[in-house]
Amino acid sequence: MEKYSMKIFKILLILIAAFILTLSIIGLISIIQDPVNPTYRYILYPILIAIYLSSILIYLSFYQTWIFLTYIEKDQIFMTSSISCMHQIKIYGLIFSAIYIIALPFFYLLANADDAPGVIFVGMTPLVLGILVYLFADIFKKIIQKGIHIQSTNS
């Protein structure tokens, strides 16, 4: 059962990555074909840069997650290499949040210019998600470290 759940999780990881890549390509093509209104250009382009930078971090964290799942499949979860995977994911979550902290004033300017206060919450959602990824990776890292410690004391 565990083997199938890891395969399903890996398939879901691939599907999510393909979905994000598809949205990125469609968004880039639509921006090239129909540029942003010049009055919103200085507001929207920094937001788009933040979105594309964060998508790179998402792919890097997916790669580290893939490696971590491979360690789980091989029953090598309690190794220092799995700790380094969690550490990398933790760093990517922190950088992801930092990108959206920097982009948050542009979301505010967009909300103010478009008179849509809900846009600020749209900008805060990835910020909170990045913090959650950081926290979960930190918790998993500590669990793995405790498992390694218990395993070394029992040996």
Protein backbone atom coordinates (compact mmCIF):
# COMPACT_ATOMS: atom_id res chain seq x y z
CA MET A 1 0.00 0.00 0.00
CA GLU A 2 2.80 2.41 0.88
CA LYS A 3 4.45 1.80 -2.48
CA TYR A 4 1.28 2.76 -4.32
CA SER A 5 0.73 5.86 -2.22
CA MET A 6 4.25 7.09 -3.03
CA LYS A 7 3.62 6.49 -6.74
CA ILE A 8 0.33 8.40 -6.53
CA PHE A 9 2.04 11.23 -4.68
CA LYS A 10 4.77 11.41 -7.32
CA ILE A 11 2.15 11.44 -10.09
CA LEU A 12 0.32 14.27 -8.32
CA LEU A 13 3.60 16.16 -8.01
CA ILE A 14 4.15 15.83 -11.76
CA LEU A 15 0.58 16.90 -12.55
CA ILE A 16 0.80 19.97 -10.31
CA ALA A 17 4.14 20.93 -11.87
CA ALA A 18 2.69 20.50 -15.37
CA PHE A 19 -0.33 22.62 -14.41
CA ILE A 20 1.88 25.42 -13.07
CA LEU A 21 4.08 25.26 -16.18
CA THR A 22 1.02 25.41 -18.43
CA LEU A 23 -0.35 28.45 -16.60
CA SER A 24 3.05 30.13 -16.79
CA ILE A 25 3.34 29.58 -20.52
CA ILE A 26 -0.23 30.71 -21.20
CA GLY A 27 0.31 33.79 -19.03
CA LEU A 28 3.56 34.67 -20.78
CA ILE A 29 2.04 34.23 -24.23
CA SER A 30 -0.97 36.39 -23.33
CA ILE A 31 1.25 39.16 -21.96
CA ILE A 32 3.38 39.14 -25.11
CA GLN A 33 0.32 39.24 -27.38
CA ASP A 34 -1.58 41.83 -25.34
CA PRO A 35 0.68 44.03 -23.18
CA VAL A 36 -0.59 45.52 -19.96
CA ASN A 37 -2.26 48.92 -19.95
CA PRO A 38 0.53 51.55 -19.60
CA THR A 39 -1.08 53.04 -16.49
CA TYR A 40 -0.88 49.67 -14.69
CA ARG A 41 2.49 48.65 -16.15
CA TYR A 42 4.56 49.75 -13.14
CA ILE A 43 2.22 47.88 -10.82
CA LEU A 44 1.58 44.63 -12.71
CA TYR A 45 5.02 43.81 -14.07
CA PRO A 46 6.66 43.56 -10.61
CA ILE A 47 3.81 41.27 -9.56
CA LEU A 48 4.36 39.11 -12.64
CA ILE A 49 8.10 38.97 -11.93
CA ALA A 50 7.31 37.81 -8.38
CA ILE A 51 4.96 35.13 -9.71
CA TYR A 52 7.54 33.78 -12.17
CA LEU A 53 10.36 33.86 -9.60
CA SER A 54 8.18 32.01 -7.13
CA SER A 55 7.31 29.39 -9.74
CA ILE A 56 11.03 28.62 -10.06
CA LEU A 57 11.15 28.08 -6.30
CA ILE A 58 8.12 25.82 -6.53
CA TYR A 59 9.90 23.63 -9.08
CA LEU A 60 13.02 23.47 -6.92
CA SER A 61 10.97 22.44 -3.90
CA PHE A 62 9.13 19.84 -6.01
CA TYR A 63 12.50 18.42 -7.02
CA GLN A 64 13.59 18.18 -3.38
CA THR A 65 10.24 16.60 -2.51
CA TRP A 66 10.78 14.04 -5.28
CA ILE A 67 14.18 13.17 -3.82
CA PHE A 68 12.67 12.92 -0.33
CA LEU A 69 9.95 10.57 -1.59
CA THR A 70 12.62 8.44 -3.22
CA TYR A 71 14.35 8.17 0.17
CA ILE A 72 11.06 7.10 1.73
CA GLU A 73 10.56 4.43 -0.96
CA LYS A 74 14.04 3.05 -0.31
CA ASP A 75 13.50 3.12 3.49
CA GLN A 76 16.33 5.62 3.86
CA ILE A 77 14.34 8.38 5.48
CA PHE A 78 16.44 8.54 8.63
CA MET A 79 19.58 9.76 6.91
CA THR A 80 21.32 13.11 6.78
CA SER A 81 20.48 13.42 3.08
CA SER A 82 16.76 13.55 3.89
CA ILE A 83 17.51 16.26 6.44
CA SER A 84 19.24 18.26 3.71
CA CYS A 85 16.15 17.86 1.48
CA MET A 86 13.94 19.25 4.22
CA HIS A 87 16.44 22.04 4.85
CA GLN A 88 16.36 23.01 1.16
CA ILE A 89 12.55 22.98 1.10
CA LYS A 90 12.57 25.14 4.23
CA ILE A 91 14.87 27.67 2.55
CA TYR A 92 12.73 27.71 -0.60
CA GLY A 93 9.62 28.38 1.49
CA LEU A 94 11.36 31.26 3.23
CA ILE A 95 12.56 32.80 -0.04
CA PHE A 96 9.08 32.29 -1.52
CA SER A 97 7.57 34.28 1.35
CA ALA A 98 10.25 36.96 1.04
CA ILE A 99 9.40 37.43 -2.63
CA TYR A 100 5.76 38.07 -1.77
CA ILE A 101 6.68 40.37 1.11
CA ILE A 102 8.57 42.46 -1.44
CA ALA A 103 5.66 42.24 -3.91
CA LEU A 104 2.97 43.07 -1.34
CA PRO A 105 3.21 46.88 -1.83
CA PHE A 106 2.51 46.35 -5.52
CA PHE A 107 -0.58 44.32 -4.64
CA TYR A 108 -1.64 47.26 -2.44
CA LEU A 109 -1.07 49.71 -5.29
CA LEU A 110 -3.09 47.49 -7.63
CA ALA A 111 -5.90 47.22 -5.08
CA ASN A 112 -5.87 50.98 -4.62
CA ALA A 113 -5.76 51.76 -8.36
CA ASP A 114 -8.42 49.21 -9.27
CA ASP A 115 -10.54 49.84 -6.14
CA ALA A 116 -10.51 46.13 -5.31
CA PRO A 117 -9.40 45.56 -1.71
CA GLY A 118 -9.55 41.77 -2.14
CA VAL A 119 -6.40 41.92 -4.27
CA ILE A 120 -4.36 42.44 -1.08
CA PHE A 121 -5.60 39.06 0.19
CA VAL A 122 -4.61 37.50 -3.13
CA GLY A 123 -1.10 38.82 -2.53
CA MET A 124 -1.05 37.63 1.06
CA THR A 125 -2.15 34.07 0.26
CA PRO A 126 1.18 32.97 -1.29
CA LEU A 127 2.99 34.70 1.56
CA VAL A 128 1.13 32.60 4.12
CA LEU A 129 1.57 29.44 2.02
CA GLY A 130 5.33 29.98 1.90
CA ILE A 131 5.42 30.35 5.67
CA LEU A 132 3.40 27.14 6.04
CA VAL A 133 5.83 25.27 3.77
CA TYR A 134 8.70 26.61 5.89
CA LEU A 135 7.05 25.49 9.12
CA PHE A 136 6.10 22.01 7.87
CA ALA A 137 9.58 21.43 6.45
CA ASP A 138 11.07 22.54 9.76
CA ILE A 139 8.80 20.15 11.68
CA PHE A 140 9.69 17.25 9.35
CA LYS A 141 13.37 18.11 9.66
CA LYS A 142 13.16 17.97 13.46
CA ILE A 143 11.24 14.68 13.35
CA ILE A 144 13.88 13.15 11.09
CA GLN A 145 16.67 14.45 13.32
CA LYS A 146 15.01 12.90 16.37
CA GLY A 147 14.57 9.64 14.47
CA ILE A 148 18.24 9.61 13.53
CA HIS A 149 19.15 10.32 17.16
CA ILE A 150 16.92 7.51 18.44
CA GLN A 151 18.27 5.15 15.79
CA SER A 152 21.89 5.96 16.72
CA THR A 153 21.27 5.48 20.46
CA ASN A 154 19.58 2.10 19.87
CA SER A 155 22.43 0.80 17.73
